[in-house]
């Protein structure tokens, strides 16, 4: 999906929700600081909004791409083998890399968003003109 300037789009062209955002009760407490979206290895990953790539490297056991958006929010996408270098300017919907291996979920993309040091639910940021339903995978 190609976004309009200032819009937020899903970082995958087609997906289902594997695990939703679970806000921690304390900054150091348990939770799920982002969403997991179904995505096989090799799937193109898109910038959720206009911005600049600020991280494009391997971190511990996974490849990570982080985009600082024009509004100051930061989207971290993992595991993503970057196609771009740090400093690249990207538009919403532009390919930033491809799903690789590693991380906490197999066959999925983790999308986390931070405002300063606070994690926010990425799905509430989506710029949609129609209803979007992301259903968990499983018995449905």
C-alpha atoms as a PDB file:
ATOM      1  CA  UNK A   1       0.000   0.000   0.000  1.00  0.00           C
ATOM      2  CA  UNK A   2       1.278   3.409  -0.890  1.00  0.00           C
ATOM      3  CA  UNK A   3       0.536   6.101   1.652  1.00  0.00           C
ATOM      4  CA  UNK A   4      -0.248   9.773   1.322  1.00  0.00           C
ATOM      5  CA  UNK A   5       2.210  12.219   2.879  1.00  0.00           C
ATOM      6  CA  UNK A   6       1.736  12.065   6.643  1.00  0.00           C
ATOM      7  CA  UNK A   7      -0.177   8.787   6.526  1.00  0.00           C
ATOM      8  CA  UNK A   8       0.609   5.515   8.309  1.00  0.00           C
ATOM      9  CA  UNK A   9       0.250   2.193   6.477  1.00  0.00           C
ATOM     10  CA  UNK A  10       0.794  -1.445   7.395  1.00  0.00           C
ATOM     11  CA  UNK A  11       4.412  -2.501   6.829  1.00  0.00           C
ATOM     12  CA  UNK A  12       3.196  -5.490   4.768  1.00  0.00           C
ATOM     13  CA  UNK A  13       0.967  -5.456   1.701  1.00  0.00           C
ATOM     14  CA  UNK A  14      -1.100  -8.421   2.988  1.00  0.00           C
ATOM     15  CA  UNK A  15      -1.038 -10.034   6.401  1.00  0.00           C
ATOM     16  CA  UNK A  16      -2.916 -11.320   9.400  1.00  0.00           C
ATOM     17  CA  UNK A  17      -2.370 -10.460  13.033  1.00  0.00           C
ATOM     18  CA  UNK A  18      -0.426 -13.124  14.943  1.00  0.00           C
ATOM     19  CA  UNK A  19      -0.141 -11.260  18.259  1.00  0.00           C
ATOM     20  CA  UNK A  20      -1.398  -7.839  19.309  1.00  0.00           C
ATOM     21  CA  UNK A  21       0.047  -5.049  21.420  1.00  0.00           C
ATOM     22  CA  UNK A  22       0.060  -5.645  25.181  1.00  0.00           C
ATOM     23  CA  UNK A  23       0.952  -2.507  27.103  1.00  0.00           C
ATOM     24  CA  UNK A  24       3.211  -3.212  30.070  1.00  0.00           C
ATOM     25  CA  UNK A  25       1.884  -2.152  33.471  1.00  0.00           C
ATOM     26  CA  UNK A  26       5.309  -0.681  34.274  1.00  0.00           C
ATOM     27  CA  UNK A  27       8.137   0.459  31.997  1.00  0.00           C
ATOM     28  CA  UNK A  28      10.237  -2.573  32.971  1.00  0.00           C
ATOM     29  CA  UNK A  29       7.287  -4.988  33.230  1.00  0.00           C
ATOM     30  CA  UNK A  30       6.100  -7.751  30.917  1.00  0.00           C
ATOM     31  CA  UNK A  31       4.104  -6.972  27.819  1.00  0.00           C
ATOM     32  CA  UNK A  32       4.279  -7.136  24.040  1.00  0.00           C
ATOM     33  CA  UNK A  33       5.631  -3.825  22.808  1.00  0.00           C
ATOM     34  CA  UNK A  34       4.343  -4.016  19.268  1.00  0.00           C
ATOM     35  CA  UNK A  35       2.385  -6.317  16.976  1.00  0.00           C
ATOM     36  CA  UNK A  36       3.394  -9.496  15.174  1.00  0.00           C
ATOM     37  CA  UNK A  37       2.157  -9.809  11.593  1.00  0.00           C
ATOM     38  CA  UNK A  38       2.263 -13.024   9.557  1.00  0.00           C
ATOM     39  CA  UNK A  39       5.045 -12.818   6.950  1.00  0.00           C
ATOM     40  CA  UNK A  40       7.145 -15.583   5.428  1.00  0.00           C
ATOM     41  CA  UNK A  41      10.889 -15.095   4.959  1.00  0.00           C
ATOM     42  CA  UNK A  42      11.550 -12.958   1.881  1.00  0.00           C
ATOM     43  CA  UNK A  43       8.377 -10.852   2.147  1.00  0.00           C
ATOM     44  CA  UNK A  44       8.912  -7.176   1.266  1.00  0.00           C
ATOM     45  CA  UNK A  45       8.652  -4.869   4.289  1.00  0.00           C
ATOM     46  CA  UNK A  46       7.371  -1.331   3.828  1.00  0.00           C
ATOM     47  CA  UNK A  47       8.013   1.869   5.718  1.00  0.00           C
ATOM     48  CA  UNK A  48       4.863   2.556   7.749  1.00  0.00           C
ATOM     49  CA  UNK A  49       5.231   6.323   7.247  1.00  0.00           C
ATOM     50  CA  UNK A  50       7.490   8.953   5.717  1.00  0.00           C
ATOM     51  CA  UNK A  51      10.845   9.226   7.450  1.00  0.00           C
ATOM     52  CA  UNK A  52      14.554   8.420   7.615  1.00  0.00           C
ATOM     53  CA  UNK A  53      16.202   5.053   8.245  1.00  0.00           C
ATOM     54  CA  UNK A  54      18.114   5.374  11.541  1.00  0.00           C
ATOM     55  CA  UNK A  55      18.963   1.684  12.142  1.00  0.00           C
ATOM     56  CA  UNK A  56      19.756  -0.932   9.487  1.00  0.00           C
ATOM     57  CA  UNK A  57      21.837  -3.676  11.061  1.00  0.00           C
ATOM     58  CA  UNK A  58      21.923  -6.971  12.908  1.00  0.00           C
ATOM     59  CA  UNK A  59      21.109  -6.700  16.628  1.00  0.00           C
ATOM     60  CA  UNK A  60      21.960  -9.813  18.668  1.00  0.00           C
ATOM     61  CA  UNK A  61      20.132 -12.576  16.748  1.00  0.00           C
ATOM     62  CA  UNK A  62      17.994 -10.594  14.275  1.00  0.00           C
ATOM     63  CA  UNK A  63      18.148  -8.026  11.506  1.00  0.00           C
ATOM     64  CA  UNK A  64      16.479  -4.723  12.418  1.00  0.00           C
ATOM     65  CA  UNK A  65      15.336  -1.670  10.490  1.00  0.00           C
ATOM     66  CA  UNK A  66      14.170   1.408  12.375  1.00  0.00           C
ATOM     67  CA  UNK A  67      12.600   4.412  10.671  1.00  0.00           C
ATOM     68  CA  UNK A  68      12.298   7.782  12.434  1.00  0.00           C
ATOM     69  CA  UNK A  69       9.130   9.279  11.036  1.00  0.00           C
ATOM     70  CA  UNK A  70       8.567  12.928  10.265  1.00  0.00           C
ATOM     71  CA  UNK A  71       6.280  13.257  13.320  1.00  0.00           C
ATOM     72  CA  UNK A  72       9.044  11.963  15.642  1.00  0.00           C
ATOM     73  CA  UNK A  73       7.648   8.451  16.132  1.00  0.00           C
ATOM     74  CA  UNK A  74      10.045   5.549  15.494  1.00  0.00           C
ATOM     75  CA  UNK A  75       8.990   2.265  13.886  1.00  0.00           C
ATOM     76  CA  UNK A  76      11.209  -0.759  14.498  1.00  0.00           C
ATOM     77  CA  UNK A  77      10.750  -3.709  12.157  1.00  0.00           C
ATOM     78  CA  UNK A  78      12.288  -7.122  12.808  1.00  0.00           C
ATOM     79  CA  UNK A  79      13.549  -9.471  11.590  1.00  0.00           C
ATOM     80  CA  UNK A  80      14.184  -7.417   8.453  1.00  0.00           C
ATOM     81  CA  UNK A  81      17.246  -7.650   6.235  1.00  0.00           C
ATOM     82  CA  UNK A  82      17.651  -4.006   5.163  1.00  0.00           C
ATOM     83  CA  UNK A  83      17.648  -2.915   1.532  1.00  0.00           C
ATOM     84  CA  UNK A  84      18.617   0.638   2.518  1.00  0.00           C
ATOM     85  CA  UNK A  85      21.407   2.257   4.505  1.00  0.00           C
ATOM     86  CA  UNK A  86      21.128   4.503   7.543  1.00  0.00           C
ATOM     87  CA  UNK A  87      20.221   7.996   6.354  1.00  0.00           C
ATOM     88  CA  UNK A  88      17.983   6.875   3.479  1.00  0.00           C
ATOM     89  CA  UNK A  89      14.824   8.961   3.170  1.00  0.00           C
ATOM     90  CA  UNK A  90      11.700   6.832   2.691  1.00  0.00           C
ATOM     91  CA  UNK A  91       8.048   7.450   1.918  1.00  0.00           C
ATOM     92  CA  UNK A  92       5.136   5.594   3.482  1.00  0.00           C
ATOM     93  CA  UNK A  93       4.807   2.297   1.611  1.00  0.00           C
ATOM     94  CA  UNK A  94       8.393   2.247   0.268  1.00  0.00           C
ATOM     95  CA  UNK A  95      10.284  -1.054   0.605  1.00  0.00           C
ATOM     96  CA  UNK A  96      12.904  -0.900   3.384  1.00  0.00           C
ATOM     97  CA  UNK A  97      13.924  -4.562   3.384  1.00  0.00           C
ATOM     98  CA  UNK A  98      12.719  -8.146   3.459  1.00  0.00           C
ATOM     99  CA  UNK A  99      11.674 -10.467   6.285  1.00  0.00           C
ATOM    100  CA  UNK A 100      14.631 -12.573   7.417  1.00  0.00           C
ATOM    101  CA  UNK A 101      15.037 -15.092  10.244  1.00  0.00           C
ATOM    102  CA  UNK A 102      15.551 -14.625  13.974  1.00  0.00           C
ATOM    103  CA  UNK A 103      13.626 -12.791  16.603  1.00  0.00           C
ATOM    104  CA  UNK A 104      10.853 -13.917  18.895  1.00  0.00           C
ATOM    105  CA  UNK A 105       8.318 -15.170  16.362  1.00  0.00           C
ATOM    106  CA  UNK A 106       8.781 -17.516  13.420  1.00  0.00           C
ATOM    107  CA  UNK A 107       7.131 -16.584  10.123  1.00  0.00           C
ATOM    108  CA  UNK A 108       6.197 -13.106  11.202  1.00  0.00           C
ATOM    109  CA  UNK A 109       7.251  -9.477  11.299  1.00  0.00           C
ATOM    110  CA  UNK A 110       7.367  -7.602  14.604  1.00  0.00           C
ATOM    111  CA  UNK A 111       6.372  -3.923  14.287  1.00  0.00           C
ATOM    112  CA  UNK A 112       7.033  -1.764  17.326  1.00  0.00           C
ATOM    113  CA  UNK A 113       6.455   1.985  17.588  1.00  0.00           C
ATOM    114  CA  UNK A 114       7.915   4.344  20.165  1.00  0.00           C
ATOM    115  CA  UNK A 115       7.115   7.917  21.030  1.00  0.00           C
ATOM    116  CA  UNK A 116      10.194   8.962  22.951  1.00  0.00           C
ATOM    117  CA  UNK A 117      10.748   6.026  25.324  1.00  0.00           C
ATOM    118  CA  UNK A 118       7.074   4.996  25.407  1.00  0.00           C
ATOM    119  CA  UNK A 119       5.792   2.150  23.216  1.00  0.00           C
ATOM    120  CA  UNK A 120       2.441   2.730  21.508  1.00  0.00           C
ATOM    121  CA  UNK A 121       0.081   0.364  19.721  1.00  0.00           C
ATOM    122  CA  UNK A 122       1.000   0.606  16.016  1.00  0.00           C
ATOM    123  CA  UNK A 123      -2.480  -0.378  14.867  1.00  0.00           C
ATOM    124  CA  UNK A 124      -4.097   2.765  16.317  1.00  0.00           C
ATOM    125  CA  UNK A 125      -1.861   4.870  14.035  1.00  0.00           C
ATOM    126  CA  UNK A 126      -3.070   3.380  10.761  1.00  0.00           C
ATOM    127  CA  UNK A 127      -4.490   5.810   8.236  1.00  0.00           C
ATOM    128  CA  UNK A 128      -7.451   3.915   6.866  1.00  0.00           C
ATOM    129  CA  UNK A 129     -10.475   5.054   4.912  1.00  0.00           C
ATOM    130  CA  UNK A 130     -12.285   1.753   5.409  1.00  0.00           C
ATOM    131  CA  UNK A 131     -12.628  -0.735   8.206  1.00  0.00           C
ATOM    132  CA  UNK A 132      -9.625  -3.037   8.578  1.00  0.00           C
ATOM    133  CA  UNK A 133      -9.865  -6.307  10.461  1.00  0.00           C
ATOM    134  CA  UNK A 134      -6.695  -8.108  11.468  1.00  0.00           C
ATOM    135  CA  UNK A 135      -7.655 -11.473  12.893  1.00  0.00           C
ATOM    136  CA  UNK A 136      -5.388 -13.703  14.945  1.00  0.00           C
ATOM    137  CA  UNK A 137      -4.243 -16.862  13.220  1.00  0.00           C
ATOM    138  CA  UNK A 138      -5.485 -20.096  14.708  1.00  0.00           C
ATOM    139  CA  UNK A 139      -8.696 -22.022  14.886  1.00  0.00           C
ATOM    140  CA  UNK A 140     -10.779 -19.477  12.968  1.00  0.00           C
END
